PDB file of N, CA and C in Angstrom:
ATOM      1  N   UNK A   1      74.475 132.628 101.154  1.00  0.00           N
ATOM      2  CA  UNK A   1      74.471 132.725 100.396  1.00  0.00           C
ATOM      3  C   UNK A   1      76.141 133.516  99.667  1.00  0.00           C
ATOM      4  N   UNK A   2      76.742 132.791  99.419  1.00  0.00           N
ATOM      5  CA  UNK A   2      77.894 132.882  99.048  1.00  0.00           C
ATOM      6  C   UNK A   2      78.174 134.313  97.285  1.00  0.00           C
ATOM      7  N   UNK A   3      78.830 135.464  97.682  1.00  0.00           N
ATOM      8  CA  UNK A   3      79.124 136.492  97.263  1.00  0.00           C
ATOM      9  C   UNK A   3      80.446 136.184  96.248  1.00  0.00           C
ATOM     10  N   UNK A   4      80.622 137.218  95.340  1.00  0.00           N
ATOM     11  CA  UNK A   4      81.948 136.574  94.337  1.00  0.00           C
ATOM     12  C   UNK A   4      82.801 137.438  94.966  1.00  0.00           C
ATOM     13  N   UNK A   5      81.955 138.802  95.916  1.00  0.00           N
ATOM     14  CA  UNK A   5      83.461 139.468  96.776  1.00  0.00           C
ATOM     15  C   UNK A   5      83.443 139.064  98.750  1.00  0.00           C
ATOM     16  N   UNK A   6      82.675 137.076  98.176  1.00  0.00           N
ATOM     17  CA  UNK A   6      83.109 137.071 100.058  1.00  0.00           C
ATOM     18  C   UNK A   6      82.683 137.442 100.484  1.00  0.00           C
ATOM     19  N   UNK A   7      81.564 138.409 100.639  1.00  0.00           N
ATOM     20  CA  UNK A   7      80.865 138.914 101.284  1.00  0.00           C
ATOM     21  C   UNK A   7      79.455 138.060 101.432  1.00  0.00           C
ATOM     22  N   UNK A   8      78.800 137.281 102.548  1.00  0.00           N
ATOM     23  CA  UNK A   8      77.604 136.428 102.606  1.00  0.00           C
ATOM     24  C   UNK A   8      77.005 137.068 103.730  1.00  0.00           C
ATOM     25  N   UNK A   9      75.044 136.994 103.037  1.00  0.00           N
ATOM     26  CA  UNK A   9      74.402 137.469 103.859  1.00  0.00           C
ATOM     27  C   UNK A   9      72.829 137.067 103.160  1.00  0.00           C
ATOM     28  N   UNK A  10      72.562 136.457 104.228  1.00  0.00           N
ATOM     29  CA  UNK A  10      70.642 135.605 104.246  1.00  0.00           C
ATOM     30  C   UNK A  10      69.963 136.292 102.434  1.00  0.00           C
ATOM     31  N   UNK A  11      69.279 135.673 102.760  1.00  0.00           N
ATOM     32  CA  UNK A  11      67.909 136.152 101.865  1.00  0.00           C
ATOM     33  C   UNK A  11      67.424 137.422 102.260  1.00  0.00           C
ATOM     34  N   UNK A  12      67.008 137.556 103.614  1.00  0.00           N
ATOM     35  CA  UNK A  12      66.553 138.891 104.210  1.00  0.00           C
ATOM     36  C   UNK A  12      67.084 140.469 104.272  1.00  0.00           C
ATOM     37  N   UNK A  13      68.293 139.796 104.243  1.00  0.00           N
ATOM     38  CA  UNK A  13      69.347 140.659 103.836  1.00  0.00           C
ATOM     39  C   UNK A  13      69.795 141.245 103.201  1.00  0.00           C
ATOM     40  N   UNK A  14      69.506 140.005 102.521  1.00  0.00           N
ATOM     41  CA  UNK A  14      70.407 141.282 101.164  1.00  0.00           C
ATOM     42  C   UNK A  14      68.966 141.823 100.362  1.00  0.00           C
ATOM     43  N   UNK A  15      68.195 141.039 100.837  1.00  0.00           N
ATOM     44  CA  UNK A  15      67.010 142.580 100.493  1.00  0.00           C
ATOM     45  C   UNK A  15      67.154 144.185 100.816  1.00  0.00           C
ATOM     46  N   UNK A  16      67.451 144.337 102.238  1.00  0.00           N
ATOM     47  CA  UNK A  16      67.239 145.154 102.559  1.00  0.00           C
ATOM     48  C   UNK A  16      68.248 145.964 102.447  1.00  0.00           C
ATOM     49  N   UNK A  17      69.612 145.131 101.570  1.00  0.00           N
ATOM     50  CA  UNK A  17      70.557 145.402 101.306  1.00  0.00           C
ATOM     51  C   UNK A  17      70.252 146.161  99.963  1.00  0.00           C
ATOM     52  N   UNK A  18      69.096 145.677  98.845  1.00  0.00           N
ATOM     53  CA  UNK A  18      68.936 146.018  98.232  1.00  0.00           C
ATOM     54  C   UNK A  18      67.290 147.470  97.533  1.00  0.00           C
ATOM     55  N   UNK A  19      67.152 147.109  99.622  1.00  0.00           N
ATOM     56  CA  UNK A  19      66.493 148.541  99.846  1.00  0.00           C
ATOM     57  C   UNK A  19      66.880 149.809  99.656  1.00  0.00           C
ATOM     58  N   UNK A  20      68.381 149.265 100.117  1.00  0.00           N
ATOM     59  CA  UNK A  20      69.108 151.032 100.656  1.00  0.00           C
ATOM     60  C   UNK A  20      69.844 150.853  99.301  1.00  0.00           C
ATOM     61  N   UNK A  21      69.778 150.204  98.857  1.00  0.00           N
ATOM     62  CA  UNK A  21      70.981 150.135  97.624  1.00  0.00           C
ATOM     63  C   UNK A  21      69.972 151.923  96.495  1.00  0.00           C
ATOM     64  N   UNK A  22      68.465 151.012  96.402  1.00  0.00           N
ATOM     65  CA  UNK A  22      67.892 151.692  95.125  1.00  0.00           C
ATOM     66  C   UNK A  22      67.004 152.819  95.604  1.00  0.00           C
ATOM     67  N   UNK A  23      67.149 152.864  97.290  1.00  0.00           N
ATOM     68  CA  UNK A  23      66.759 154.004  98.305  1.00  0.00           C
ATOM     69  C   UNK A  23      67.181 154.870  97.358  1.00  0.00           C
ATOM     70  N   UNK A  24      68.640 155.061  98.066  1.00  0.00           N
ATOM     71  CA  UNK A  24      69.779 155.678  98.215  1.00  0.00           C
ATOM     72  C   UNK A  24      69.900 155.782  96.465  1.00  0.00           C
ATOM     73  N   UNK A  25      69.923 155.440  95.169  1.00  0.00           N
ATOM     74  CA  UNK A  25      69.895 155.698  94.080  1.00  0.00           C
ATOM     75  C   UNK A  25      69.061 156.436  93.659  1.00  0.00           C
ATOM     76  N   UNK A  26      68.164 156.425  94.518  1.00  0.00           N
ATOM     77  CA  UNK A  26      66.908 156.842  93.922  1.00  0.00           C
ATOM     78  C   UNK A  26      66.784 158.481  94.332  1.00  0.00           C
ATOM     79  N   UNK A  27      66.365 158.303  95.799  1.00  0.00           N
ATOM     80  CA  UNK A  27      66.298 159.932  96.487  1.00  0.00           C
ATOM     81  C   UNK A  27      68.439 160.310  96.813  1.00  0.00           C
ATOM     82  N   UNK A  28      69.419 159.840  96.601  1.00  0.00           N
ATOM     83  CA  UNK A  28      69.815 160.458  96.983  1.00  0.00           C
ATOM     84  C   UNK A  28      71.014 160.662  98.166  1.00  0.00           C
ATOM     85  N   UNK A  29      70.323 159.869  98.671  1.00  0.00           N
ATOM     86  CA  UNK A  29      70.568 159.796 100.475  1.00  0.00           C
ATOM     87  C   UNK A  29      70.231 158.328 101.276  1.00  0.00           C
ATOM     88  N   UNK A  30      70.508 157.971 101.865  1.00  0.00           N
ATOM     89  CA  UNK A  30      70.889 156.713 102.408  1.00  0.00           C
ATOM     90  C   UNK A  30      68.640 156.042 103.618  1.00  0.00           C
ATOM     91  N   UNK A  31      68.242 155.970 103.677  1.00  0.00           N
ATOM     92  CA  UNK A  31      67.021 155.887 103.765  1.00  0.00           C
ATOM     93  C   UNK A  31      67.084 155.872 104.990  1.00  0.00           C
ATOM     94  N   UNK A  32      66.215 156.280 106.133  1.00  0.00           N
ATOM     95  CA  UNK A  32      65.761 155.826 107.475  1.00  0.00           C
ATOM     96  C   UNK A  32      65.454 155.131 108.146  1.00  0.00           C
ATOM     97  N   UNK A  33      65.655 154.865 108.925  1.00  0.00           N
ATOM     98  CA  UNK A  33      65.067 153.337 109.833  1.00  0.00           C
ATOM     99  C   UNK A  33      63.751 153.228 109.648  1.00  0.00           C
ATOM    100  N   UNK A  34      62.826 154.437 109.496  1.00  0.00           N
ATOM    101  CA  UNK A  34      61.445 154.531 109.909  1.00  0.00           C
ATOM    102  C   UNK A  34      61.177 154.504 107.695  1.00  0.00           C
ATOM    103  N   UNK A  35      62.294 154.156 106.976  1.00  0.00           N
ATOM    104  CA  UNK A  35      61.778 153.927 105.913  1.00  0.00           C
ATOM    105  C   UNK A  35      60.845 153.209 105.839  1.00  0.00           C
ATOM    106  N   UNK A  36      62.844 151.986 106.358  1.00  0.00           N
ATOM    107  CA  UNK A  36      62.741 150.383 106.515  1.00  0.00           C
ATOM    108  C   UNK A  36      61.332 149.430 107.180  1.00  0.00           C
ATOM    109  N   UNK A  37      60.712 150.710 107.650  1.00  0.00           N
ATOM    110  CA  UNK A  37      60.182 149.881 108.961  1.00  0.00           C
ATOM    111  C   UNK A  37      58.556 150.050 107.430  1.00  0.00           C
ATOM    112  N   UNK A  38      58.477 150.970 107.560  1.00  0.00           N
ATOM    113  CA  UNK A  38      57.443 151.196 106.305  1.00  0.00           C
ATOM    114  C   UNK A  38      57.207 150.098 104.873  1.00  0.00           C
ATOM    115  N   UNK A  39      58.482 149.575 104.788  1.00  0.00           N
ATOM    116  CA  UNK A  39      58.895 149.271 103.370  1.00  0.00           C
ATOM    117  C   UNK A  39      58.524 147.802 103.854  1.00  0.00           C
ATOM    118  N   UNK A  40      58.675 147.307 104.743  1.00  0.00           N
ATOM    119  CA  UNK A  40      59.331 145.466 104.993  1.00  0.00           C
ATOM    120  C   UNK A  40      58.709 145.880 106.237  1.00  0.00           C
ATOM    121  N   UNK A  41      57.314 146.548 106.472  1.00  0.00           N
ATOM    122  CA  UNK A  41      56.402 146.053 107.469  1.00  0.00           C
ATOM    123  C   UNK A  41      56.631 145.318 108.444  1.00  0.00           C
ATOM    124  N   UNK A  42      58.057 145.761 109.207  1.00  0.00           N
ATOM    125  CA  UNK A  42      57.961 145.123 110.324  1.00  0.00           C
ATOM    126  C   UNK A  42      57.998 146.379 112.117  1.00  0.00           C
ATOM    127  N   UNK A  43      58.262 146.354 112.857  1.00  0.00           N
ATOM    128  CA  UNK A  43      58.435 147.265 114.226  1.00  0.00           C
ATOM    129  C   UNK A  43      60.717 147.664 113.433  1.00  0.00           C
ATOM    130  N   UNK A  44      59.716 149.172 114.476  1.00  0.00           N
ATOM    131  CA  UNK A  44      61.385 149.651 114.425  1.00  0.00           C
ATOM    132  C   UNK A  44      63.022 148.861 114.975  1.00  0.00           C
ATOM    133  N   UNK A  45      62.762 148.173 116.392  1.00  0.00           N
ATOM    134  CA  UNK A  45      63.756 147.303 116.769  1.00  0.00           C
ATOM    135  C   UNK A  45      63.904 146.081 115.841  1.00  0.00           C
ATOM    136  N   UNK A  46      63.019 145.509 115.052  1.00  0.00           N
ATOM    137  CA  UNK A  46      63.033 145.084 114.373  1.00  0.00           C
ATOM    138  C   UNK A  46      64.091 145.678 113.371  1.00  0.00           C
ATOM    139  N   UNK A  47      63.767 146.372 112.691  1.00  0.00           N
ATOM    140  CA  UNK A  47      64.647 146.817 111.889  1.00  0.00           C
ATOM    141  C   UNK A  47      66.412 147.313 112.129  1.00  0.00           C
ATOM    142  N   UNK A  48      65.828 147.623 113.329  1.00  0.00           N
ATOM    143  CA  UNK A  48      67.412 148.332 113.690  1.00  0.00           C
ATOM    144  C   UNK A  48      68.702 147.022 114.013  1.00  0.00           C
ATOM    145  N   UNK A  49      67.809 146.220 114.561  1.00  0.00           N
ATOM    146  CA  UNK A  49      68.637 144.248 115.280  1.00  0.00           C
ATOM    147  C   UNK A  49      69.233 144.129 113.328  1.00  0.00           C
ATOM    148  N   UNK A  50      68.134 145.157 112.325  1.00  0.00           N
ATOM    149  CA  UNK A  50      68.683 144.175 111.185  1.00  0.00           C
ATOM    150  C   UNK A  50      70.455 145.028 111.000  1.00  0.00           C
ATOM    151  N   UNK A  51      70.016 145.989 110.888  1.00  0.00           N
ATOM    152  CA  UNK A  51      70.917 147.093 110.343  1.00  0.00           C
ATOM    153  C   UNK A  51      72.465 147.703 111.615  1.00  0.00           C
ATOM    154  N   UNK A  52      71.989 146.371 113.031  1.00  0.00           N
ATOM    155  CA  UNK A  52      73.420 146.580 113.563  1.00  0.00           C
ATOM    156  C   UNK A  52      73.961 145.425 113.097  1.00  0.00           C
ATOM    157  N   UNK A  53      73.401 144.365 112.625  1.00  0.00           N
ATOM    158  CA  UNK A  53      73.382 143.135 112.003  1.00  0.00           C
ATOM    159  C   UNK A  53      74.345 142.846 110.539  1.00  0.00           C
ATOM    160  N   UNK A  54      73.394 143.764 110.005  1.00  0.00           N
ATOM    161  CA  UNK A  54      74.176 144.107 108.249  1.00  0.00           C
ATOM    162  C   UNK A  54      76.098 144.964 108.745  1.00  0.00           C
ATOM    163  N   UNK A  55      76.048 145.810 109.898  1.00  0.00           N
ATOM    164  CA  UNK A  55      77.072 146.440 109.904  1.00  0.00           C
ATOM    165  C   UNK A  55      78.607 145.413 110.679  1.00  0.00           C
ATOM    166  N   UNK A  56      77.653 145.060 111.518  1.00  0.00           N
ATOM    167  CA  UNK A  56      78.642 143.673 112.329  1.00  0.00           C
ATOM    168  C   UNK A  56      78.531 142.985 111.225  1.00  0.00           C
ATOM    169  N   UNK A  57      78.367 142.395 110.718  1.00  0.00           N
ATOM    170  CA  UNK A  57      79.193 141.313 109.318  1.00  0.00           C
ATOM    171  C   UNK A  57      79.480 142.391 108.443  1.00  0.00           C
ATOM    172  N   UNK A  58      80.282 143.207 108.064  1.00  0.00           N
ATOM    173  CA  UNK A  58      80.940 144.317 107.321  1.00  0.00           C
ATOM    174  C   UNK A  58      79.742 144.395 106.141  1.00  0.00           C
ATOM    175  N   UNK A  59      78.958 144.489 106.124  1.00  0.00           N
ATOM    176  CA  UNK A  59      77.986 144.451 104.417  1.00  0.00           C
ATOM    177  C   UNK A  59      78.007 146.047 104.168  1.00  0.00           C
ATOM    178  N   UNK A  60      77.516 146.793 105.480  1.00  0.00           N
ATOM    179  CA  UNK A  60      77.288 147.831 105.438  1.00  0.00           C
ATOM    180  C   UNK A  60      78.229 149.019 106.822  1.00  0.00           C
ATOM    181  N   UNK A  61      78.688 149.993 106.473  1.00  0.00           N
ATOM    182  CA  UNK A  61      79.606 151.618 107.297  1.00  0.00           C
ATOM    183  C   UNK A  61      78.449 152.400 107.305  1.00  0.00           C
ATOM    184  N   UNK A  62      77.916 152.878 108.876  1.00  0.00           N
ATOM    185  CA  UNK A  62      77.511 153.617 109.457  1.00  0.00           C
ATOM    186  C   UNK A  62      78.279 154.932 110.421  1.00  0.00           C
ATOM    187  N   UNK A  63      78.115 156.185 110.141  1.00  0.00           N
ATOM    188  CA  UNK A  63      78.655 156.836 110.676  1.00  0.00           C
ATOM    189  C   UNK A  63      77.834 157.097 112.562  1.00  0.00           C
ATOM    190  N   UNK A  64      77.883 157.355 114.105  1.00  0.00           N
ATOM    191  CA  UNK A  64      77.389 157.270 114.728  1.00  0.00           C
ATOM    192  C   UNK A  64      76.799 158.495 115.288  1.00  0.00           C
ATOM    193  N   UNK A  65      77.450 159.470 114.743  1.00  0.00           N
ATOM    194  CA  UNK A  65      76.738 160.531 114.816  1.00  0.00           C
ATOM    195  C   UNK A  65      76.222 161.331 113.798  1.00  0.00           C
ATOM    196  N   UNK A  66      75.621 161.176 112.363  1.00  0.00           N
ATOM    197  CA  UNK A  66      75.522 161.349 111.321  1.00  0.00           C
ATOM    198  C   UNK A  66      73.864 160.635 110.991  1.00  0.00           C
ATOM    199  N   UNK A  67      72.660 161.196 111.244  1.00  0.00           N
ATOM    200  CA  UNK A  67      71.513 160.160 110.865  1.00  0.00           C
ATOM    201  C   UNK A  67      71.658 159.988 109.245  1.00  0.00           C
ATOM    202  N   UNK A  68      70.757 158.906 108.434  1.00  0.00           N
ATOM    203  CA  UNK A  68      71.546 158.323 107.184  1.00  0.00           C
ATOM    204  C   UNK A  68      72.386 158.298 106.836  1.00  0.00           C
ATOM    205  N   UNK A  69      73.575 157.602 107.669  1.00  0.00           N
ATOM    206  CA  UNK A  69      75.204 157.988 107.109  1.00  0.00           C
ATOM    207  C   UNK A  69      75.217 155.799 106.301  1.00  0.00           C
ATOM    208  N   UNK A  70      73.761 155.116 106.109  1.00  0.00           N
ATOM    209  CA  UNK A  70      74.860 153.871 105.762  1.00  0.00           C
ATOM    210  C   UNK A  70      75.071 153.741 104.549  1.00  0.00           C
ATOM    211  N   UNK A  71      76.293 153.077 104.075  1.00  0.00           N
ATOM    212  CA  UNK A  71      77.061 152.763 103.250  1.00  0.00           C
ATOM    213  C   UNK A  71      77.196 150.870 103.114  1.00  0.00           C
ATOM    214  N   UNK A  72      76.878 151.112 101.842  1.00  0.00           N
ATOM    215  CA  UNK A  72      76.083 150.018 101.842  1.00  0.00           C
ATOM    216  C   UNK A  72      77.703 149.608 101.266  1.00  0.00           C
ATOM    217  N   UNK A  73      78.646 148.111 101.645  1.00  0.00           N
ATOM    218  CA  UNK A  73      79.900 147.821 101.691  1.00  0.00           C
ATOM    219  C   UNK A  73      79.961 146.646 100.570  1.00  0.00           C
ATOM    220  N   UNK A  74      78.824 146.320 100.293  1.00  0.00           N
ATOM    221  CA  UNK A  74      79.196 145.002  99.481  1.00  0.00           C
ATOM    222  C   UNK A  74      78.512 145.381  97.717  1.00  0.00           C
ATOM    223  N   UNK A  75      79.249 144.891  96.752  1.00  0.00           N
ATOM    224  CA  UNK A  75      78.863 145.800  95.322  1.00  0.00           C
ATOM    225  C   UNK A  75      77.984 144.997  94.670  1.00  0.00           C
ATOM    226  N   UNK A  76      76.847 146.074  94.786  1.00  0.00           N
ATOM    227  CA  UNK A  76      75.580 146.413  93.819  1.00  0.00           C
ATOM    228  C   UNK A  76      75.238 145.356  92.718  1.00  0.00           C
ATOM    229  N   UNK A  77      76.071 144.472  92.168  1.00  0.00           N
ATOM    230  CA  UNK A  77      75.717 143.574  91.444  1.00  0.00           C
ATOM    231  C   UNK A  77      76.102 142.047  92.232  1.00  0.00           C
ATOM    232  N   UNK A  78      76.548 142.165  93.425  1.00  0.00           N
ATOM    233  CA  UNK A  78      76.333 141.229  93.985  1.00  0.00           C
ATOM    234  C   UNK A  78      75.048 140.808  94.691  1.00  0.00           C
ATOM    235  N   UNK A  79      74.359 142.201  94.479  1.00  0.00           N
ATOM    236  CA  UNK A  79      72.719 141.695  95.610  1.00  0.00           C
ATOM    237  C   UNK A  79      71.922 141.042  94.148  1.00  0.00           C
ATOM    238  N   UNK A  80      71.267 139.849  94.590  1.00  0.00           N
ATOM    239  CA  UNK A  80      70.400 138.877  93.783  1.00  0.00           C
ATOM    240  C   UNK A  80      69.136 140.185  92.920  1.00  0.00           C
ATOM    241  N   UNK A  81      68.919 140.573  94.144  1.00  0.00           N
ATOM    242  CA  UNK A  81      67.475 141.156  93.738  1.00  0.00           C
ATOM    243  C   UNK A  81      67.455 142.073  92.416  1.00  0.00           C
ATOM    244  N   UNK A  82      68.818 142.528  92.566  1.00  0.00           N
ATOM    245  CA  UNK A  82      68.913 143.876  91.562  1.00  0.00           C
ATOM    246  C   UNK A  82      68.915 143.272  89.871  1.00  0.00           C
ATOM    247  N   UNK A  83      69.776 142.336  89.724  1.00  0.00           N
ATOM    248  CA  UNK A  83      69.567 141.627  89.167  1.00  0.00           C
ATOM    249  C   UNK A  83      67.952 140.958  88.582  1.00  0.00           C
ATOM    250  N   UNK A  84      67.265 140.115  89.601  1.00  0.00           N
ATOM    251  CA  UNK A  84      66.012 139.825  89.443  1.00  0.00           C
ATOM    252  C   UNK A  84      64.952 141.355  88.596  1.00  0.00           C
ATOM    253  N   UNK A  85      65.839 142.715  89.629  1.00  0.00           N
ATOM    254  CA  UNK A  85      64.581 143.460  88.881  1.00  0.00           C
ATOM    255  C   UNK A  85      65.418 144.194  87.149  1.00  0.00           C
ATOM    256  N   UNK A  86      66.052 143.157  87.132  1.00  0.00           N
ATOM    257  CA  UNK A  86      66.544 144.029  85.586  1.00  0.00           C
ATOM    258  C   UNK A  86      67.471 144.793  85.940  1.00  0.00           C
ATOM    259  N   UNK A  87      68.001 145.301  86.864  1.00  0.00           N
ATOM    260  CA  UNK A  87      68.318 146.899  87.597  1.00  0.00           C
ATOM    261  C   UNK A  87      69.514 146.928  87.270  1.00  0.00           C
ATOM    262  N   UNK A  88      70.467 148.312  86.743  1.00  0.00           N
ATOM    263  CA  UNK A  88      71.908 148.241  86.129  1.00  0.00           C
ATOM    264  C   UNK A  88      72.606 149.349  86.908  1.00  0.00           C
ATOM    265  N   UNK A  89      73.249 148.345  88.050  1.00  0.00           N
ATOM    266  CA  UNK A  89      73.860 149.113  89.023  1.00  0.00           C
ATOM    267  C   UNK A  89      74.481 150.379  88.647  1.00  0.00           C
ATOM    268  N   UNK A  90      75.096 151.574  89.329  1.00  0.00           N
ATOM    269  CA  UNK A  90      75.716 152.288  88.834  1.00  0.00           C
ATOM    270  C   UNK A  90      77.257 152.542  89.532  1.00  0.00           C
ATOM    271  N   UNK A  91      78.147 153.085  88.852  1.00  0.00           N
ATOM    272  CA  UNK A  91      79.001 152.320  89.680  1.00  0.00           C
ATOM    273  C   UNK A  91      79.040 153.391  90.837  1.00  0.00           C
ATOM    274  N   UNK A  92      78.402 154.561  91.670  1.00  0.00           N
ATOM    275  CA  UNK A  92      78.913 154.316  92.773  1.00  0.00           C
ATOM    276  C   UNK A  92      77.907 155.291  93.518  1.00  0.00           C
ATOM    277  N   UNK A  93      77.559 155.378  94.370  1.00  0.00           N
ATOM    278  CA  UNK A  93      76.076 156.069  94.967  1.00  0.00           C
ATOM    279  C   UNK A  93      76.688 157.449  95.887  1.00  0.00           C
TER     280      UNK A  93
END
Protein backbone atom coordinates (compact mmCIF):
# COMPACT_ATOMS: atom_id res chain seq x y z
CA UNK A 1 0.00 0.00 0.00
CA UNK A 2 1.47 3.33 -1.00
CA UNK A 3 0.96 6.37 1.21
CA UNK A 4 1.22 10.10 0.40
CA UNK A 5 4.00 10.43 2.97
CA UNK A 6 6.04 7.77 1.18
CA UNK A 7 5.47 5.21 3.96
CA UNK A 8 4.52 1.75 2.82
CA UNK A 9 2.69 -0.76 4.97
CA UNK A 10 0.45 -3.77 4.57
CA UNK A 11 -3.20 -3.85 5.54
CA UNK A 12 -2.35 -5.79 8.72
CA UNK A 13 0.39 -3.31 9.63
CA UNK A 14 -2.12 -0.51 9.04
CA UNK A 15 -4.49 -2.14 11.53
CA UNK A 16 -1.74 -2.25 14.16
CA UNK A 17 -0.77 1.36 13.46
CA UNK A 18 -4.41 2.45 13.69
CA UNK A 19 -4.84 0.54 16.97
CA UNK A 20 -1.70 2.13 18.43
CA UNK A 21 -2.87 5.57 17.31
CA UNK A 22 -6.42 5.14 18.63
CA UNK A 23 -5.32 3.57 21.94
CA UNK A 24 -2.79 6.37 22.49
CA UNK A 25 -5.41 8.98 21.70
CA UNK A 26 -7.98 7.42 24.04
CA UNK A 27 -5.73 6.62 27.01
CA UNK A 28 -2.96 9.21 26.70
CA UNK A 29 -0.22 6.60 26.37
CA UNK A 30 0.70 3.93 23.83
CA UNK A 31 -0.55 0.37 24.32
CA UNK A 32 1.55 -2.37 25.86
CA UNK A 33 2.22 -5.46 23.77
CA UNK A 34 -0.26 -7.30 26.02
CA UNK A 35 -2.99 -4.82 25.01
CA UNK A 36 -2.31 -5.52 21.34
CA UNK A 37 -2.24 -9.27 21.97
CA UNK A 38 -5.69 -9.14 23.59
CA UNK A 39 -7.12 -6.86 20.89
CA UNK A 40 -5.88 -8.88 17.91
CA UNK A 41 -6.17 -12.30 19.59
CA UNK A 42 -2.62 -13.32 18.71
CA UNK A 43 0.34 -14.76 20.60
CA UNK A 44 2.93 -12.64 22.41
CA UNK A 45 5.65 -13.51 19.85
CA UNK A 46 3.33 -12.45 17.00
CA UNK A 47 2.76 -9.01 18.53
CA UNK A 48 6.44 -8.55 19.30
CA UNK A 49 7.42 -9.53 15.75
CA UNK A 50 4.93 -7.02 14.34
CA UNK A 51 6.35 -4.25 16.56
CA UNK A 52 9.89 -5.14 15.46
CA UNK A 53 8.76 -5.12 11.80
CA UNK A 54 6.99 -1.76 12.14
CA UNK A 55 10.11 -0.29 13.73
CA UNK A 56 12.47 -1.81 11.17
CA UNK A 57 10.29 -0.39 8.36
CA UNK A 58 10.45 3.10 9.90
CA UNK A 59 6.73 3.24 10.74
CA UNK A 60 7.20 3.54 14.52
CA UNK A 61 9.97 4.46 16.94
CA UNK A 62 10.53 3.06 20.45
CA UNK A 63 12.93 3.71 23.31
CA UNK A 64 14.46 0.43 24.44
CA UNK A 65 14.64 1.43 28.11
CA UNK A 66 11.07 2.76 28.36
CA UNK A 67 7.89 0.66 28.35
CA UNK A 68 4.94 1.93 26.29
CA UNK A 69 7.19 4.24 24.30
CA UNK A 70 5.83 3.56 20.80
CA UNK A 71 5.69 6.67 18.64
CA UNK A 72 3.94 6.44 15.26
CA UNK A 73 5.94 8.00 12.42
CA UNK A 74 3.13 7.77 9.86
CA UNK A 75 0.84 10.77 9.56
CA UNK A 76 -2.54 9.80 11.08
CA UNK A 77 -4.45 10.87 7.98
CA UNK A 78 -2.55 8.17 6.09
CA UNK A 79 -4.01 5.42 8.26
CA UNK A 80 -6.85 4.08 6.10
CA UNK A 81 -8.78 2.49 8.95
CA UNK A 82 -9.20 5.87 10.65
CA UNK A 83 -10.85 7.42 7.61
CA UNK A 84 -13.05 4.33 7.27
CA UNK A 85 -14.19 4.80 10.88
CA UNK A 86 -14.73 8.53 10.32
CA UNK A 87 -12.14 9.48 12.96
CA UNK A 88 -10.62 12.93 12.52
CA UNK A 89 -6.94 12.68 13.53
CA UNK A 90 -5.67 15.13 16.13
CA UNK A 91 -2.56 17.19 15.42
CA UNK A 92 -0.29 15.20 17.76
CA UNK A 93 -0.38 12.80 20.65
